[in-house]
């Protein structure tokens, strides 16, 4: 008696190669997509998702290239200051953290957290 194999996605009987697992590319894609949804997101995906969210938030509050925003506003939108891609130190020694091309510097004024938002500029590439 032959060993009858079925598609892992839809259950149809497979015809063709002995090592075939799916009846077509659509079933293969569907199977792997459903599997990825059920799995716990990887560390890389969590970090990437937060970086993209941080960038989107910084971009939305920094239309002119420089802005000041209260910290609680950014945090309420889902901004997490612990996720950044690189940093830049200005001539005053202040360290701006960047999420791709959008940077921020955390300041406290009258006991209120504020973020100074900037956009990456060519002069920031120069070494001191």
N, C-alpha and C. Protein backbone atom coordinates (compact mmCIF):
# COMPACT_ATOMS: atom_id res chain seq x y z
N UNK A 1 0.84 -1.18 0.00
CA UNK A 1 0.00 0.00 0.00
C UNK A 1 0.89 1.25 0.00
N UNK A 2 0.51 2.22 -0.80
CA UNK A 2 1.26 3.47 -0.90
C UNK A 2 0.98 4.36 0.30
N UNK A 3 1.99 5.17 0.62
CA UNK A 3 1.83 6.15 1.67
C UNK A 3 1.27 7.43 1.03
N UNK A 4 0.00 7.73 1.30
CA UNK A 4 -0.64 8.89 0.70
C UNK A 4 -0.32 10.12 1.54
N UNK A 5 0.23 11.16 0.86
CA UNK A 5 0.60 12.39 1.55
C UNK A 5 -0.41 13.48 1.21
N UNK A 6 -0.66 14.33 2.19
CA UNK A 6 -1.60 15.43 1.99
C UNK A 6 -0.91 16.78 2.23
N UNK A 7 -1.46 17.82 1.63
CA UNK A 7 -0.95 19.18 1.77
C UNK A 7 -1.07 19.62 3.23
N UNK A 8 0.01 20.20 3.76
CA UNK A 8 0.02 20.64 5.16
C UNK A 8 -0.94 21.80 5.42
N UNK A 9 -1.30 22.55 4.39
CA UNK A 9 -2.17 23.71 4.56
C UNK A 9 -3.65 23.38 4.36
N UNK A 10 -3.98 22.71 3.26
CA UNK A 10 -5.39 22.52 2.93
C UNK A 10 -5.86 21.06 3.04
N UNK A 11 -4.93 20.12 3.12
CA UNK A 11 -5.30 18.72 3.29
C UNK A 11 -5.56 17.95 2.00
N UNK A 12 -5.41 18.58 0.83
CA UNK A 12 -5.61 17.88 -0.44
C UNK A 12 -4.53 16.83 -0.63
N UNK A 13 -4.87 15.79 -1.38
CA UNK A 13 -3.89 14.73 -1.68
C UNK A 13 -2.85 15.30 -2.63
N UNK A 14 -1.57 15.05 -2.31
CA UNK A 14 -0.47 15.57 -3.12
C UNK A 14 -0.12 14.62 -4.25
N UNK A 15 0.13 15.19 -5.40
CA UNK A 15 0.52 14.43 -6.58
C UNK A 15 1.86 15.00 -7.05
N UNK A 16 2.80 14.13 -7.36
CA UNK A 16 4.09 14.61 -7.86
C UNK A 16 5.24 14.05 -7.04
N UNK A 17 6.20 14.90 -6.78
CA UNK A 17 7.42 14.49 -6.09
C UNK A 17 7.13 13.86 -4.73
N UNK A 18 7.99 12.94 -4.32
CA UNK A 18 7.77 12.22 -3.07
C UNK A 18 8.02 13.10 -1.83
N UNK A 19 8.80 14.18 -2.00
CA UNK A 19 9.08 15.05 -0.86
C UNK A 19 8.21 16.32 -0.83
N UNK A 20 7.19 16.33 -1.63
CA UNK A 20 6.30 17.50 -1.73
C UNK A 20 5.48 17.62 -0.44
N UNK A 21 5.33 18.85 0.07
CA UNK A 21 4.59 19.08 1.31
C UNK A 21 3.34 19.95 1.11
N UNK A 22 3.32 20.71 0.02
CA UNK A 22 2.20 21.62 -0.26
C UNK A 22 1.74 21.44 -1.70
N UNK A 23 0.46 21.69 -1.96
CA UNK A 23 -0.06 21.50 -3.32
C UNK A 23 0.29 22.65 -4.25
N UNK A 24 0.53 23.84 -3.70
CA UNK A 24 0.91 24.99 -4.54
C UNK A 24 1.58 26.08 -3.69
N UNK A 25 2.15 27.08 -4.34
CA UNK A 25 2.83 28.15 -3.59
C UNK A 25 1.90 28.91 -2.64
N UNK A 26 0.63 29.06 -3.00
CA UNK A 26 -0.32 29.75 -2.14
C UNK A 26 -0.48 29.01 -0.81
N UNK A 27 -0.64 27.69 -0.86
CA UNK A 27 -0.78 26.89 0.36
C UNK A 27 0.49 26.96 1.21
N UNK A 28 1.62 26.94 0.55
CA UNK A 28 2.90 27.02 1.28
C UNK A 28 2.99 28.36 2.02
N UNK A 29 2.67 29.44 1.32
CA UNK A 29 2.71 30.77 1.92
C UNK A 29 1.72 30.89 3.08
N UNK A 30 0.52 30.40 2.87
CA UNK A 30 -0.52 30.44 3.90
C UNK A 30 -0.09 29.69 5.15
N UNK A 31 0.46 28.50 4.97
CA UNK A 31 0.92 27.67 6.08
C UNK A 31 1.97 28.40 6.91
N UNK A 32 2.98 28.97 6.24
CA UNK A 32 4.07 29.63 6.95
C UNK A 32 3.61 30.95 7.60
N UNK A 33 2.68 31.65 6.96
CA UNK A 33 2.14 32.88 7.55
C UNK A 33 1.39 32.56 8.84
N UNK A 34 0.52 31.56 8.81
CA UNK A 34 -0.23 31.18 10.01
C UNK A 34 0.71 30.73 11.13
N UNK A 35 1.74 30.01 10.75
CA UNK A 35 2.73 29.53 11.72
C UNK A 35 3.46 30.71 12.37
N UNK A 36 3.82 31.73 11.57
CA UNK A 36 4.54 32.88 12.10
C UNK A 36 3.68 33.70 13.05
N UNK A 37 2.38 33.75 12.81
CA UNK A 37 1.46 34.50 13.68
C UNK A 37 1.36 33.81 15.05
N UNK A 38 1.37 32.50 15.07
CA UNK A 38 1.22 31.75 16.30
C UNK A 38 2.48 31.79 17.17
N UNK A 39 3.63 31.96 16.56
CA UNK A 39 4.89 31.98 17.31
C UNK A 39 5.07 33.30 18.03
N UNK A 40 5.81 33.27 19.12
CA UNK A 40 6.15 34.48 19.84
C UNK A 40 7.11 35.30 18.98
N UNK A 41 6.87 36.60 18.84
CA UNK A 41 7.76 37.42 18.01
C UNK A 41 9.20 37.36 18.52
N UNK A 42 10.13 37.33 17.61
CA UNK A 42 11.54 37.25 17.99
C UNK A 42 12.01 38.58 18.54
N UNK A 43 13.13 38.55 19.23
CA UNK A 43 13.71 39.76 19.80
C UNK A 43 13.95 40.80 18.70
N UNK A 44 14.49 40.35 17.57
CA UNK A 44 14.77 41.25 16.46
C UNK A 44 13.50 41.96 16.00
N UNK A 45 12.40 41.23 15.87
CA UNK A 45 11.15 41.82 15.40
C UNK A 45 10.60 42.84 16.40
N UNK A 46 10.74 42.54 17.70
CA UNK A 46 10.28 43.48 18.72
C UNK A 46 11.08 44.78 18.66
N UNK A 47 12.40 44.66 18.54
CA UNK A 47 13.26 45.84 18.47
C UNK A 47 12.96 46.64 17.20
N UNK A 48 12.87 45.96 16.07
CA UNK A 48 12.59 46.62 14.81
C UNK A 48 11.25 47.36 14.84
N UNK A 49 10.25 46.73 15.41
CA UNK A 49 8.93 47.34 15.51
C UNK A 49 8.98 48.60 16.37
N UNK A 50 9.70 48.55 17.50
CA UNK A 50 9.79 49.72 18.38
C UNK A 50 10.59 50.84 17.73
N UNK A 51 11.67 50.50 17.02
CA UNK A 51 12.45 51.52 16.32
C UNK A 51 11.59 52.23 15.27
N UNK A 52 10.83 51.47 14.52
CA UNK A 52 9.96 52.07 13.51
C UNK A 52 8.89 52.97 14.15
N UNK A 53 8.35 52.52 15.27
CA UNK A 53 7.35 53.32 15.98
C UNK A 53 7.99 54.61 16.50
N UNK A 54 9.17 54.51 17.11
CA UNK A 54 9.87 55.69 17.61
C UNK A 54 10.14 56.68 16.48
N UNK A 55 10.60 56.19 15.33
CA UNK A 55 10.90 57.06 14.19
C UNK A 55 9.64 57.78 13.72
N UNK A 56 8.55 57.03 13.61
CA UNK A 56 7.28 57.61 13.15
C UNK A 56 6.81 58.71 14.11
N UNK A 57 6.94 58.48 15.40
CA UNK A 57 6.52 59.47 16.40
C UNK A 57 7.41 60.71 16.34
N UNK A 58 8.74 60.51 16.30
CA UNK A 58 9.66 61.64 16.23
C UNK A 58 9.42 62.46 14.96
N UNK A 59 9.20 61.79 13.86
CA UNK A 59 8.95 62.48 12.59
C UNK A 59 7.68 63.32 12.67
N UNK A 60 6.65 62.77 13.28
CA UNK A 60 5.37 63.48 13.34
C UNK A 60 5.44 64.74 14.19
N UNK A 61 6.32 64.78 15.18
CA UNK A 61 6.44 65.95 16.05
C UNK A 61 7.58 66.89 15.64
N UNK A 62 8.32 66.55 14.60
CA UNK A 62 9.46 67.36 14.18
C UNK A 62 9.34 67.70 12.70
N UNK A 63 8.42 68.58 12.38
CA UNK A 63 8.17 68.95 10.98
C UNK A 63 9.19 69.95 10.44
N UNK A 64 9.74 70.80 11.32
CA UNK A 64 10.61 71.89 10.86
C UNK A 64 12.10 71.61 11.04
N UNK A 65 12.47 70.46 11.57
CA UNK A 65 13.89 70.17 11.76
C UNK A 65 14.35 70.32 13.19
N UNK A 66 13.59 71.09 14.00
CA UNK A 66 13.87 71.22 15.42
C UNK A 66 12.57 71.53 16.14
N UNK A 67 12.35 70.87 17.28
CA UNK A 67 11.13 71.08 18.06
C UNK A 67 11.37 70.68 19.50
N UNK A 68 10.51 71.15 20.38
CA UNK A 68 10.54 70.75 21.79
C UNK A 68 9.15 70.19 22.12
N UNK A 69 9.15 69.01 22.74
CA UNK A 69 7.89 68.34 23.06
C UNK A 69 7.97 67.80 24.48
N UNK A 70 6.88 67.88 25.20
CA UNK A 70 6.83 67.29 26.54
C UNK A 70 6.99 65.78 26.45
N UNK A 71 7.74 65.25 27.38
CA UNK A 71 8.01 63.82 27.40
C UNK A 71 6.77 62.97 27.49
N UNK A 72 5.81 63.39 28.32
CA UNK A 72 4.60 62.58 28.51
C UNK A 72 3.81 62.43 27.22
N UNK A 73 3.89 63.42 26.35
CA UNK A 73 3.17 63.34 25.06
C UNK A 73 3.77 62.22 24.21
N UNK A 74 5.11 62.22 24.09
CA UNK A 74 5.78 61.18 23.29
C UNK A 74 5.53 59.80 23.88
N UNK A 75 5.66 59.68 25.20
CA UNK A 75 5.48 58.39 25.87
C UNK A 75 4.05 57.88 25.68
N UNK A 76 3.07 58.79 25.76
CA UNK A 76 1.67 58.37 25.60
C UNK A 76 1.38 57.84 24.20
N UNK A 77 2.20 58.24 23.21
CA UNK A 77 2.03 57.77 21.83
C UNK A 77 2.74 56.43 21.61
N UNK A 78 3.49 55.95 22.62
CA UNK A 78 4.18 54.67 22.48
C UNK A 78 5.68 54.80 22.29
N UNK A 79 6.21 56.02 22.40
CA UNK A 79 7.65 56.26 22.25
C UNK A 79 8.39 55.62 23.42
N UNK A 80 9.49 54.92 23.12
CA UNK A 80 10.33 54.32 24.15
C UNK A 80 11.75 54.84 23.95
N UNK A 81 12.23 55.73 24.83
CA UNK A 81 13.54 56.36 24.65
C UNK A 81 14.71 55.40 24.77
N UNK A 82 14.47 54.18 25.21
CA UNK A 82 15.55 53.20 25.34
C UNK A 82 15.90 52.53 24.01
N UNK A 83 15.13 52.79 22.97
CA UNK A 83 15.37 52.20 21.66
C UNK A 83 15.84 53.28 20.69
N UNK A 84 17.11 53.19 20.29
CA UNK A 84 17.70 54.16 19.37
C UNK A 84 18.76 53.47 18.53
N UNK A 85 19.16 54.10 17.42
CA UNK A 85 20.11 53.46 16.51
C UNK A 85 21.54 53.95 16.69
N UNK A 86 21.72 55.21 17.06
CA UNK A 86 23.06 55.76 17.25
C UNK A 86 22.97 57.07 18.03
N UNK A 87 24.10 57.67 18.30
CA UNK A 87 24.09 58.93 19.04
C UNK A 87 25.06 59.93 18.41
N UNK A 88 24.91 61.19 18.83
CA UNK A 88 25.79 62.26 18.38
C UNK A 88 25.99 63.23 19.53
N UNK A 89 27.23 63.63 19.76
CA UNK A 89 27.55 64.56 20.84
C UNK A 89 27.86 65.92 20.24
N UNK A 90 27.18 66.96 20.72
CA UNK A 90 27.40 68.31 20.19
C UNK A 90 28.60 68.96 20.89
N UNK A 91 28.92 70.19 20.51
CA UNK A 91 30.10 70.87 21.05
C UNK A 91 29.96 71.18 22.55
N UNK A 92 28.72 71.18 23.08
CA UNK A 92 28.50 71.41 24.51
C UNK A 92 28.65 70.12 25.32
N UNK A 93 28.82 69.00 24.61
CA UNK A 93 28.92 67.71 25.29
C UNK A 93 27.58 67.03 25.51
N UNK A 94 26.50 67.60 24.97
CA UNK A 94 25.18 66.98 25.09
C UNK A 94 25.08 65.83 24.10
N UNK A 95 24.52 64.73 24.55
CA UNK A 95 24.41 63.54 23.71
C UNK A 95 22.98 63.39 23.21
N UNK A 96 22.82 63.51 21.90
CA UNK A 96 21.52 63.29 21.25
C UNK A 96 21.45 61.83 20.82
N UNK A 97 20.37 61.18 21.16
CA UNK A 97 20.13 59.81 20.70
C UNK A 97 19.31 59.89 19.43
N UNK A 98 19.61 59.03 18.48
CA UNK A 98 18.94 59.07 17.18
C UNK A 98 18.22 57.76 16.89
N UNK A 99 17.09 57.91 16.21
CA UNK A 99 16.38 56.78 15.60
C UNK A 99 16.44 57.08 14.11
N UNK A 100 17.42 56.47 13.46
CA UNK A 100 17.73 56.76 12.07
C UNK A 100 18.07 58.24 11.93
N UNK A 101 17.30 59.04 11.20
CA UNK A 101 17.67 60.44 11.00
C UNK A 101 17.02 61.41 11.99
N UNK A 102 16.23 60.92 12.92
CA UNK A 102 15.56 61.78 13.90
C UNK A 102 16.17 61.59 15.28
N UNK A 103 16.61 62.72 15.87
CA UNK A 103 17.28 62.66 17.16
C UNK A 103 16.49 63.34 18.26
N UNK A 104 16.87 63.01 19.50
CA UNK A 104 16.22 63.62 20.65
C UNK A 104 17.21 63.74 21.80
N UNK A 105 17.00 64.80 22.58
CA UNK A 105 17.78 65.06 23.77
C UNK A 105 16.79 65.28 24.90
N UNK A 106 16.92 64.49 25.94
CA UNK A 106 16.00 64.61 27.08
C UNK A 106 16.51 65.71 28.00
N UNK A 107 15.62 66.61 28.37
CA UNK A 107 15.93 67.72 29.28
C UNK A 107 14.85 67.77 30.35
N UNK A 108 15.21 68.31 31.49
CA UNK A 108 14.24 68.52 32.56
C UNK A 108 14.19 70.02 32.83
N UNK A 109 13.03 70.63 32.63
CA UNK A 109 12.82 72.04 32.90
C UNK A 109 11.68 72.19 33.89
N UNK A 110 11.96 72.83 35.02
CA UNK A 110 10.96 73.00 36.09
C UNK A 110 10.30 71.68 36.46
N UNK A 111 11.12 70.67 36.57
CA UNK A 111 10.69 69.32 36.95
C UNK A 111 9.76 68.67 35.93
N UNK A 112 9.80 69.11 34.68
CA UNK A 112 9.00 68.52 33.61
C UNK A 112 9.94 67.96 32.55
N UNK A 113 9.74 66.68 32.21
CA UNK A 113 10.55 66.06 31.16
C UNK A 113 10.16 66.63 29.81
N UNK A 114 11.18 67.05 29.06
CA UNK A 114 10.97 67.54 27.70
C UNK A 114 12.00 66.90 26.79
N UNK A 115 11.65 66.82 25.53
CA UNK A 115 12.58 66.29 24.53
C UNK A 115 12.80 67.36 23.47
N UNK A 116 14.08 67.63 23.21
CA UNK A 116 14.43 68.50 22.09
C UNK A 116 14.63 67.58 20.90
N UNK A 117 13.87 67.79 19.86
CA UNK A 117 13.91 66.94 18.67
C UNK A 117 14.68 67.65 17.57
N UNK A 118 15.55 66.90 16.90
CA UNK A 118 16.30 67.45 15.77
C UNK A 118 16.33 66.42 14.65
N UNK A 119 16.77 66.88 13.49
CA UNK A 119 16.93 65.99 12.35
C UNK A 119 18.42 65.96 12.00
N UNK A 120 18.91 64.81 11.58
CA UNK A 120 20.32 64.64 11.24
C UNK A 120 20.74 65.62 10.15
N UNK A 121 21.90 66.24 10.32
CA UNK A 121 22.43 67.21 9.37
C UNK A 121 23.81 66.74 8.89
N UNK A 122 24.23 67.17 7.72
CA UNK A 122 25.52 66.77 7.16
C UNK A 122 26.70 67.11 8.08
N UNK A 123 26.65 68.25 8.75
CA UNK A 123 27.78 68.64 9.59
C UNK A 123 28.01 67.67 10.76
N UNK A 124 27.02 66.88 11.10
CA UNK A 124 27.14 65.93 12.20
C UNK A 124 28.05 64.76 11.84
N UNK A 125 28.32 64.57 10.57
CA UNK A 125 29.22 63.49 10.12
C UNK A 125 30.69 63.79 10.40
N UNK A 126 31.02 65.06 10.57
CA UNK A 126 32.42 65.47 10.74
C UNK A 126 32.97 65.01 12.08
N UNK A 127 34.17 64.48 12.06
CA UNK A 127 34.86 64.05 13.29
C UNK A 127 35.52 65.26 13.92
N UNK A 128 35.59 65.23 15.23
CA UNK A 128 36.22 66.35 15.95
C UNK A 128 37.69 66.14 16.13
